[in-house]
């Protein structure tokens, strides 16, 4: 399976406008989005071999990314 990033705009294309609005006007959403993007990039670097790491560490990062994604989706649905 090819490696890929999981940007929010790709994960939630139906919420493109809400993502933009919240990113511009909600500091909490912006912080969550930045943390999500940071985790996504970190996971990608580990999976492509740029950063060596233990499997359990990667799995924890993925769980944290998923939790952030769930929080972000809840904010998008409330918009």
PDB file of N, CA and C in Angstrom:
ATOM      1  N   UNK A   1       0.850  -1.178   0.000  1.00  0.00           N
ATOM      2  CA  UNK A   1       0.000   0.000   0.000  1.00  0.00           C
ATOM      3  C   UNK A   1       0.895   1.241   0.000  1.00  0.00           C
ATOM      4  N   UNK A   2       0.650   2.177  -0.926  1.00  0.00           N
ATOM      5  CA  UNK A   2       1.491   3.381  -0.970  1.00  0.00           C
ATOM      6  C   UNK A   2       1.262   4.267   0.250  1.00  0.00           C
ATOM      7  N   UNK A   3       2.326   4.932   0.657  1.00  0.00           N
ATOM      8  CA  UNK A   3       2.235   5.853   1.781  1.00  0.00           C
ATOM      9  C   UNK A   3       1.587   7.146   1.315  1.00  0.00           C
ATOM     10  N   UNK A   4       0.825   7.753   2.207  1.00  0.00           N
ATOM     11  CA  UNK A   4       0.227   9.041   1.868  1.00  0.00           C
ATOM     12  C   UNK A   4      -0.042   9.833   3.135  1.00  0.00           C
ATOM     13  N   UNK A   5      -0.095  11.142   2.931  1.00  0.00           N
ATOM     14  CA  UNK A   5      -0.498  12.024   4.017  1.00  0.00           C
ATOM     15  C   UNK A   5      -2.016  11.983   4.097  1.00  0.00           C
ATOM     16  N   UNK A   6      -2.553  12.445   5.208  1.00  0.00           N
ATOM     17  CA  UNK A   6      -4.002  12.472   5.411  1.00  0.00           C
ATOM     18  C   UNK A   6      -4.451  13.893   5.759  1.00  0.00           C
ATOM     19  N   UNK A   7      -4.302  14.842   4.816  1.00  0.00           N
ATOM     20  CA  UNK A   7      -4.725  16.210   5.131  1.00  0.00           C
ATOM     21  C   UNK A   7      -6.232  16.270   5.376  1.00  0.00           C
ATOM     22  N   UNK A   8      -6.613  17.172   6.248  1.00  0.00           N
ATOM     23  CA  UNK A   8      -8.033  17.281   6.612  1.00  0.00           C
ATOM     24  C   UNK A   8      -8.918  17.576   5.410  1.00  0.00           C
ATOM     25  N   UNK A   9      -8.431  18.361   4.485  1.00  0.00           N
ATOM     26  CA  UNK A   9      -9.238  18.714   3.317  1.00  0.00           C
ATOM     27  C   UNK A   9      -9.539  17.477   2.469  1.00  0.00           C
ATOM     28  N   UNK A  10      -8.630  16.507   2.493  1.00  0.00           N
ATOM     29  CA  UNK A  10      -8.848  15.249   1.777  1.00  0.00           C
ATOM     30  C   UNK A  10      -9.720  14.312   2.602  1.00  0.00           C
ATOM     31  N   UNK A  11      -9.531  14.323   3.895  1.00  0.00           N
ATOM     32  CA  UNK A  11     -10.307  13.467   4.784  1.00  0.00           C
ATOM     33  C   UNK A  11     -11.773  13.908   4.855  1.00  0.00           C
ATOM     34  N   UNK A  12     -12.005  15.220   4.805  1.00  0.00           N
ATOM     35  CA  UNK A  12     -13.351  15.772   4.938  1.00  0.00           C
ATOM     36  C   UNK A  12     -13.650  16.754   3.802  1.00  0.00           C
ATOM     37  N   UNK A  13     -13.670  16.297   2.551  1.00  0.00           N
ATOM     38  CA  UNK A  13     -13.882  17.230   1.435  1.00  0.00           C
ATOM     39  C   UNK A  13     -15.231  17.946   1.506  1.00  0.00           C
ATOM     40  N   UNK A  14     -16.205  17.314   2.110  1.00  0.00           N
ATOM     41  CA  UNK A  14     -17.535  17.925   2.222  1.00  0.00           C
ATOM     42  C   UNK A  14     -17.560  19.080   3.222  1.00  0.00           C
ATOM     43  N   UNK A  15     -16.499  19.226   3.993  1.00  0.00           N
ATOM     44  CA  UNK A  15     -16.406  20.288   5.002  1.00  0.00           C
ATOM     45  C   UNK A  15     -15.338  21.326   4.647  1.00  0.00           C
ATOM     46  N   UNK A  16     -14.989  21.395   3.368  1.00  0.00           N
ATOM     47  CA  UNK A  16     -13.912  22.283   2.928  1.00  0.00           C
ATOM     48  C   UNK A  16     -14.144  23.725   3.384  1.00  0.00           C
ATOM     49  N   UNK A  17     -15.336  24.230   3.188  1.00  0.00           N
ATOM     50  CA  UNK A  17     -15.635  25.614   3.556  1.00  0.00           C
ATOM     51  C   UNK A  17     -15.583  25.810   5.075  1.00  0.00           C
ATOM     52  N   UNK A  18     -16.135  24.858   5.811  1.00  0.00           N
ATOM     53  CA  UNK A  18     -16.121  24.949   7.277  1.00  0.00           C
ATOM     54  C   UNK A  18     -14.694  24.884   7.813  1.00  0.00           C
ATOM     55  N   UNK A  19     -13.860  24.049   7.207  1.00  0.00           N
ATOM     56  CA  UNK A  19     -12.459  23.958   7.629  1.00  0.00           C
ATOM     57  C   UNK A  19     -11.804  25.320   7.470  1.00  0.00           C
ATOM     58  N   UNK A  20     -12.015  25.936   6.324  1.00  0.00           N
ATOM     59  CA  UNK A  20     -11.411  27.249   6.079  1.00  0.00           C
ATOM     60  C   UNK A  20     -11.915  28.290   7.085  1.00  0.00           C
ATOM     61  N   UNK A  21     -13.222  28.338   7.292  1.00  0.00           N
ATOM     62  CA  UNK A  21     -13.802  29.321   8.216  1.00  0.00           C
ATOM     63  C   UNK A  21     -13.294  29.128   9.641  1.00  0.00           C
ATOM     64  N   UNK A  22     -13.299  27.886  10.101  1.00  0.00           N
ATOM     65  CA  UNK A  22     -12.844  27.616  11.462  1.00  0.00           C
ATOM     66  C   UNK A  22     -11.347  27.878  11.612  1.00  0.00           C
ATOM     67  N   UNK A  23     -10.580  27.533  10.589  1.00  0.00           N
ATOM     68  CA  UNK A  23      -9.138  27.765  10.646  1.00  0.00           C
ATOM     69  C   UNK A  23      -8.834  29.260  10.762  1.00  0.00           C
ATOM     70  N   UNK A  24      -9.644  30.079  10.104  1.00  0.00           N
ATOM     71  CA  UNK A  24      -9.414  31.516  10.115  1.00  0.00           C
ATOM     72  C   UNK A  24      -9.969  32.201  11.368  1.00  0.00           C
ATOM     73  N   UNK A  25     -11.019  31.623  11.970  1.00  0.00           N
ATOM     74  CA  UNK A  25     -11.681  32.337  13.048  1.00  0.00           C
ATOM     75  C   UNK A  25     -11.751  31.667  14.403  1.00  0.00           C
ATOM     76  N   UNK A  26     -11.187  30.479  14.548  1.00  0.00           N
ATOM     77  CA  UNK A  26     -11.287  29.754  15.811  1.00  0.00           C
ATOM     78  C   UNK A  26      -9.895  29.258  16.212  1.00  0.00           C
ATOM     79  N   UNK A  27      -9.321  29.888  17.215  1.00  0.00           N
ATOM     80  CA  UNK A  27      -7.954  29.559  17.632  1.00  0.00           C
ATOM     81  C   UNK A  27      -7.835  28.113  18.113  1.00  0.00           C
ATOM     82  N   UNK A  28      -8.863  27.610  18.791  1.00  0.00           N
ATOM     83  CA  UNK A  28      -8.823  26.224  19.268  1.00  0.00           C
ATOM     84  C   UNK A  28      -8.811  25.256  18.080  1.00  0.00           C
ATOM     85  N   UNK A  29      -9.677  25.505  17.104  1.00  0.00           N
ATOM     86  CA  UNK A  29      -9.698  24.661  15.904  1.00  0.00           C
ATOM     87  C   UNK A  29      -8.354  24.720  15.193  1.00  0.00           C
ATOM     88  N   UNK A  30      -7.812  25.914  15.076  1.00  0.00           N
ATOM     89  CA  UNK A  30      -6.524  26.085  14.403  1.00  0.00           C
ATOM     90  C   UNK A  30      -5.432  25.288  15.125  1.00  0.00           C
ATOM     91  N   UNK A  31      -5.434  25.310  16.453  1.00  0.00           N
ATOM     92  CA  UNK A  31      -4.446  24.555  17.226  1.00  0.00           C
ATOM     93  C   UNK A  31      -4.615  23.051  17.019  1.00  0.00           C
ATOM     94  N   UNK A  32      -5.869  22.581  17.009  1.00  0.00           N
ATOM     95  CA  UNK A  32      -6.120  21.158  16.762  1.00  0.00           C
ATOM     96  C   UNK A  32      -5.646  20.761  15.370  1.00  0.00           C
ATOM     97  N   UNK A  33      -5.941  21.608  14.402  1.00  0.00           N
ATOM     98  CA  UNK A  33      -5.557  21.327  13.022  1.00  0.00           C
ATOM     99  C   UNK A  33      -4.034  21.284  12.875  1.00  0.00           C
ATOM    100  N   UNK A  34      -3.346  22.223  13.502  1.00  0.00           N
ATOM    101  CA  UNK A  34      -1.887  22.234  13.441  1.00  0.00           C
ATOM    102  C   UNK A  34      -1.299  20.986  14.095  1.00  0.00           C
ATOM    103  N   UNK A  35      -1.847  20.582  15.222  1.00  0.00           N
ATOM    104  CA  UNK A  35      -1.378  19.375  15.913  1.00  0.00           C
ATOM    105  C   UNK A  35      -1.632  18.140  15.042  1.00  0.00           C
ATOM    106  N   UNK A  36      -2.820  18.082  14.416  1.00  0.00           N
ATOM    107  CA  UNK A  36      -3.150  16.968  13.534  1.00  0.00           C
ATOM    108  C   UNK A  36      -2.153  16.889  12.375  1.00  0.00           C
ATOM    109  N   UNK A  37      -1.894  18.029  11.739  1.00  0.00           N
ATOM    110  CA  UNK A  37      -0.973  18.052  10.601  1.00  0.00           C
ATOM    111  C   UNK A  37       0.442  17.668  11.025  1.00  0.00           C
ATOM    112  N   UNK A  38       0.851  18.114  12.199  1.00  0.00           N
ATOM    113  CA  UNK A  38       2.170  17.763  12.731  1.00  0.00           C
ATOM    114  C   UNK A  38       2.269  16.248  12.947  1.00  0.00           C
ATOM    115  N   UNK A  39       1.248  15.668  13.561  1.00  0.00           N
ATOM    116  CA  UNK A  39       1.235  14.217  13.787  1.00  0.00           C
ATOM    117  C   UNK A  39       1.216  13.456  12.460  1.00  0.00           C
ATOM    118  N   UNK A  40       0.427  13.923  11.515  1.00  0.00           N
ATOM    119  CA  UNK A  40       0.331  13.262  10.214  1.00  0.00           C
ATOM    120  C   UNK A  40       1.692  13.236   9.528  1.00  0.00           C
ATOM    121  N   UNK A  41       2.394  14.358   9.552  1.00  0.00           N
ATOM    122  CA  UNK A  41       3.720  14.424   8.937  1.00  0.00           C
ATOM    123  C   UNK A  41       4.716  13.520   9.667  1.00  0.00           C
ATOM    124  N   UNK A  42       4.615  13.490  10.989  1.00  0.00           N
ATOM    125  CA  UNK A  42       5.505  12.646  11.788  1.00  0.00           C
ATOM    126  C   UNK A  42       5.282  11.170  11.458  1.00  0.00           C
ATOM    127  N   UNK A  43       4.033  10.744  11.416  1.00  0.00           N
ATOM    128  CA  UNK A  43       3.710   9.350  11.074  1.00  0.00           C
ATOM    129  C   UNK A  43       4.230   9.025   9.680  1.00  0.00           C
ATOM    130  N   UNK A  44       4.040   9.930   8.741  1.00  0.00           N
ATOM    131  CA  UNK A  44       4.504   9.701   7.370  1.00  0.00           C
ATOM    132  C   UNK A  44       6.018   9.507   7.329  1.00  0.00           C
ATOM    133  N   UNK A  45       6.759  10.373   8.032  1.00  0.00           N
ATOM    134  CA  UNK A  45       8.224  10.261   8.045  1.00  0.00           C
ATOM    135  C   UNK A  45       8.667   8.919   8.634  1.00  0.00           C
ATOM    136  N   UNK A  46       7.982   8.465   9.656  1.00  0.00           N
ATOM    137  CA  UNK A  46       8.328   7.165  10.256  1.00  0.00           C
ATOM    138  C   UNK A  46       8.010   6.047   9.274  1.00  0.00           C
ATOM    139  N   UNK A  47       6.843   6.107   8.653  1.00  0.00           N
ATOM    140  CA  UNK A  47       6.437   5.032   7.748  1.00  0.00           C
ATOM    141  C   UNK A  47       7.284   4.972   6.476  1.00  0.00           C
ATOM    142  N   UNK A  48       7.797   6.121   6.024  1.00  0.00           N
ATOM    143  CA  UNK A  48       8.636   6.076   4.816  1.00  0.00           C
ATOM    144  C   UNK A  48      10.102   5.794   5.131  1.00  0.00           C
ATOM    145  N   UNK A  49      10.417   5.594   6.419  1.00  0.00           N
ATOM    146  CA  UNK A  49      11.760   5.214   6.819  1.00  0.00           C
ATOM    147  C   UNK A  49      12.689   6.377   7.128  1.00  0.00           C
ATOM    148  N   UNK A  50      12.200   7.611   7.032  1.00  0.00           N
ATOM    149  CA  UNK A  50      13.032   8.779   7.318  1.00  0.00           C
ATOM    150  C   UNK A  50      13.373   8.885   8.797  1.00  0.00           C
ATOM    151  N   UNK A  51      12.470   8.407   9.645  1.00  0.00           N
ATOM    152  CA  UNK A  51      12.681   8.427  11.096  1.00  0.00           C
ATOM    153  C   UNK A  51      12.434   7.032  11.640  1.00  0.00           C
ATOM    154  N   UNK A  52      13.459   6.389  12.152  1.00  0.00           N
ATOM    155  CA  UNK A  52      13.244   5.065  12.745  1.00  0.00           C
ATOM    156  C   UNK A  52      12.446   5.174  14.047  1.00  0.00           C
ATOM    157  N   UNK A  53      11.633   4.178  14.299  1.00  0.00           N
ATOM    158  CA  UNK A  53      10.824   4.197  15.511  1.00  0.00           C
ATOM    159  C   UNK A  53      10.256   2.812  15.797  1.00  0.00           C
ATOM    160  N   UNK A  54       9.849   2.630  17.029  1.00  0.00           N
ATOM    161  CA  UNK A  54       9.195   1.387  17.448  1.00  0.00           C
ATOM    162  C   UNK A  54       7.762   1.349  16.928  1.00  0.00           C
ATOM    163  N   UNK A  55       7.280   0.143  16.612  1.00  0.00           N
ATOM    164  CA  UNK A  55       5.911  -0.004  16.120  1.00  0.00           C
ATOM    165  C   UNK A  55       4.876   0.520  17.105  1.00  0.00           C
ATOM    166  N   UNK A  56       5.101   0.275  18.382  1.00  0.00           N
ATOM    167  CA  UNK A  56       4.128   0.708  19.389  1.00  0.00           C
ATOM    168  C   UNK A  56       4.042   2.235  19.442  1.00  0.00           C
ATOM    169  N   UNK A  57       5.168   2.912  19.230  1.00  0.00           N
ATOM    170  CA  UNK A  57       5.180   4.374  19.218  1.00  0.00           C
ATOM    171  C   UNK A  57       4.362   4.903  18.039  1.00  0.00           C
ATOM    172  N   UNK A  58       4.550   4.303  16.871  1.00  0.00           N
ATOM    173  CA  UNK A  58       3.801   4.713  15.681  1.00  0.00           C
ATOM    174  C   UNK A  58       2.311   4.483  15.896  1.00  0.00           C
ATOM    175  N   UNK A  59       1.962   3.355  16.468  1.00  0.00           N
ATOM    176  CA  UNK A  59       0.547   3.063  16.720  1.00  0.00           C
ATOM    177  C   UNK A  59      -0.060   4.090  17.667  1.00  0.00           C
ATOM    178  N   UNK A  60       0.695   4.495  18.683  1.00  0.00           N
ATOM    179  CA  UNK A  60       0.195   5.528  19.604  1.00  0.00           C
ATOM    180  C   UNK A  60       0.015   6.862  18.891  1.00  0.00           C
ATOM    181  N   UNK A  61       0.950   7.201  18.006  1.00  0.00           N
ATOM    182  CA  UNK A  61       0.808   8.437  17.224  1.00  0.00           C
ATOM    183  C   UNK A  61      -0.440   8.384  16.351  1.00  0.00           C
ATOM    184  N   UNK A  62      -0.677   7.240  15.736  1.00  0.00           N
ATOM    185  CA  UNK A  62      -1.856   7.082  14.879  1.00  0.00           C
ATOM    186  C   UNK A  62      -3.148   7.198  15.696  1.00  0.00           C
ATOM    187  N   UNK A  63      -3.149   6.655  16.894  1.00  0.00           N
ATOM    188  CA  UNK A  63      -4.331   6.767  17.758  1.00  0.00           C
ATOM    189  C   UNK A  63      -4.566   8.215  18.160  1.00  0.00           C
ATOM    190  N   UNK A  64      -3.480   8.927  18.458  1.00  0.00           N
ATOM    191  CA  UNK A  64      -3.598  10.338  18.813  1.00  0.00           C
ATOM    192  C   UNK A  64      -4.121  11.150  17.621  1.00  0.00           C
ATOM    193  N   UNK A  65      -3.605  10.835  16.424  1.00  0.00           N
ATOM    194  CA  UNK A  65      -4.073  11.503  15.204  1.00  0.00           C
ATOM    195  C   UNK A  65      -5.562  11.238  14.973  1.00  0.00           C
ATOM    196  N   UNK A  66      -5.978  10.011  15.188  1.00  0.00           N
ATOM    197  CA  UNK A  66      -7.381   9.658  15.008  1.00  0.00           C
ATOM    198  C   UNK A  66      -8.271  10.381  16.019  1.00  0.00           C
ATOM    199  N   UNK A  67      -7.824  10.482  17.257  1.00  0.00           N
ATOM    200  CA  UNK A  67      -8.588  11.203  18.275  1.00  0.00           C
ATOM    201  C   UNK A  67      -8.735  12.679  17.902  1.00  0.00           C
ATOM    202  N   UNK A  68      -7.658  13.272  17.410  1.00  0.00           N
ATOM    203  CA  UNK A  68      -7.733  14.667  16.958  1.00  0.00           C
ATOM    204  C   UNK A  68      -8.697  14.798  15.785  1.00  0.00           C
ATOM    205  N   UNK A  69      -8.628  13.851  14.880  1.00  0.00           N
ATOM    206  CA  UNK A  69      -9.517  13.864  13.721  1.00  0.00           C
ATOM    207  C   UNK A  69     -10.981  13.791  14.161  1.00  0.00           C
ATOM    208  N   UNK A  70     -11.261  12.964  15.155  1.00  0.00           N
ATOM    209  CA  UNK A  70     -12.625  12.870  15.690  1.00  0.00           C
ATOM    210  C   UNK A  70     -13.066  14.191  16.314  1.00  0.00           C
ATOM    211  N   UNK A  71     -12.178  14.822  17.084  1.00  0.00           N
ATOM    212  CA  UNK A  71     -12.491  16.120  17.695  1.00  0.00           C
ATOM    213  C   UNK A  71     -12.752  17.169  16.620  1.00  0.00           C
ATOM    214  N   UNK A  72     -11.928  17.165  15.603  1.00  0.00           N
ATOM    215  CA  UNK A  72     -12.083  18.133  14.516  1.00  0.00           C
ATOM    216  C   UNK A  72     -13.398  17.900  13.788  1.00  0.00           C
ATOM    217  N   UNK A  73     -13.727  16.651  13.524  1.00  0.00           N
ATOM    218  CA  UNK A  73     -14.988  16.352  12.842  1.00  0.00           C
ATOM    219  C   UNK A  73     -16.182  16.825  13.654  1.00  0.00           C
ATOM    220  N   UNK A  74     -16.142  16.660  14.957  1.00  0.00           N
ATOM    221  CA  UNK A  74     -17.238  17.134  15.811  1.00  0.00           C
ATOM    222  C   UNK A  74     -17.403  18.651  15.693  1.00  0.00           C
ATOM    223  N   UNK A  75     -16.276  19.362  15.645  1.00  0.00           N
ATOM    224  CA  UNK A  75     -16.342  20.824  15.494  1.00  0.00           C
ATOM    225  C   UNK A  75     -16.883  21.183  14.111  1.00  0.00           C
ATOM    226  N   UNK A  76     -16.511  20.430  13.089  1.00  0.00           N
ATOM    227  CA  UNK A  76     -17.002  20.704  11.739  1.00  0.00           C
ATOM    228  C   UNK A  76     -18.506  20.465  11.640  1.00  0.00           C
ATOM    229  N   UNK A  77     -18.967  19.405  12.259  1.00  0.00           N
ATOM    230  CA  UNK A  77     -20.397  19.098  12.222  1.00  0.00           C
ATOM    231  C   UNK A  77     -21.222  20.140  12.989  1.00  0.00           C
ATOM    232  N   UNK A  78     -20.632  20.740  14.009  1.00  0.00           N
ATOM    233  CA  UNK A  78     -21.325  21.748  14.805  1.00  0.00           C
ATOM    234  C   UNK A  78     -21.356  23.107  14.096  1.00  0.00           C
ATOM    235  N   UNK A  79     -20.530  23.265  13.104  1.00  0.00           N
ATOM    236  CA  UNK A  79     -20.429  24.538  12.373  1.00  0.00           C
ATOM    237  C   UNK A  79     -21.682  24.820  11.591  1.00  0.00           C
TER     238      UNK A  79
END
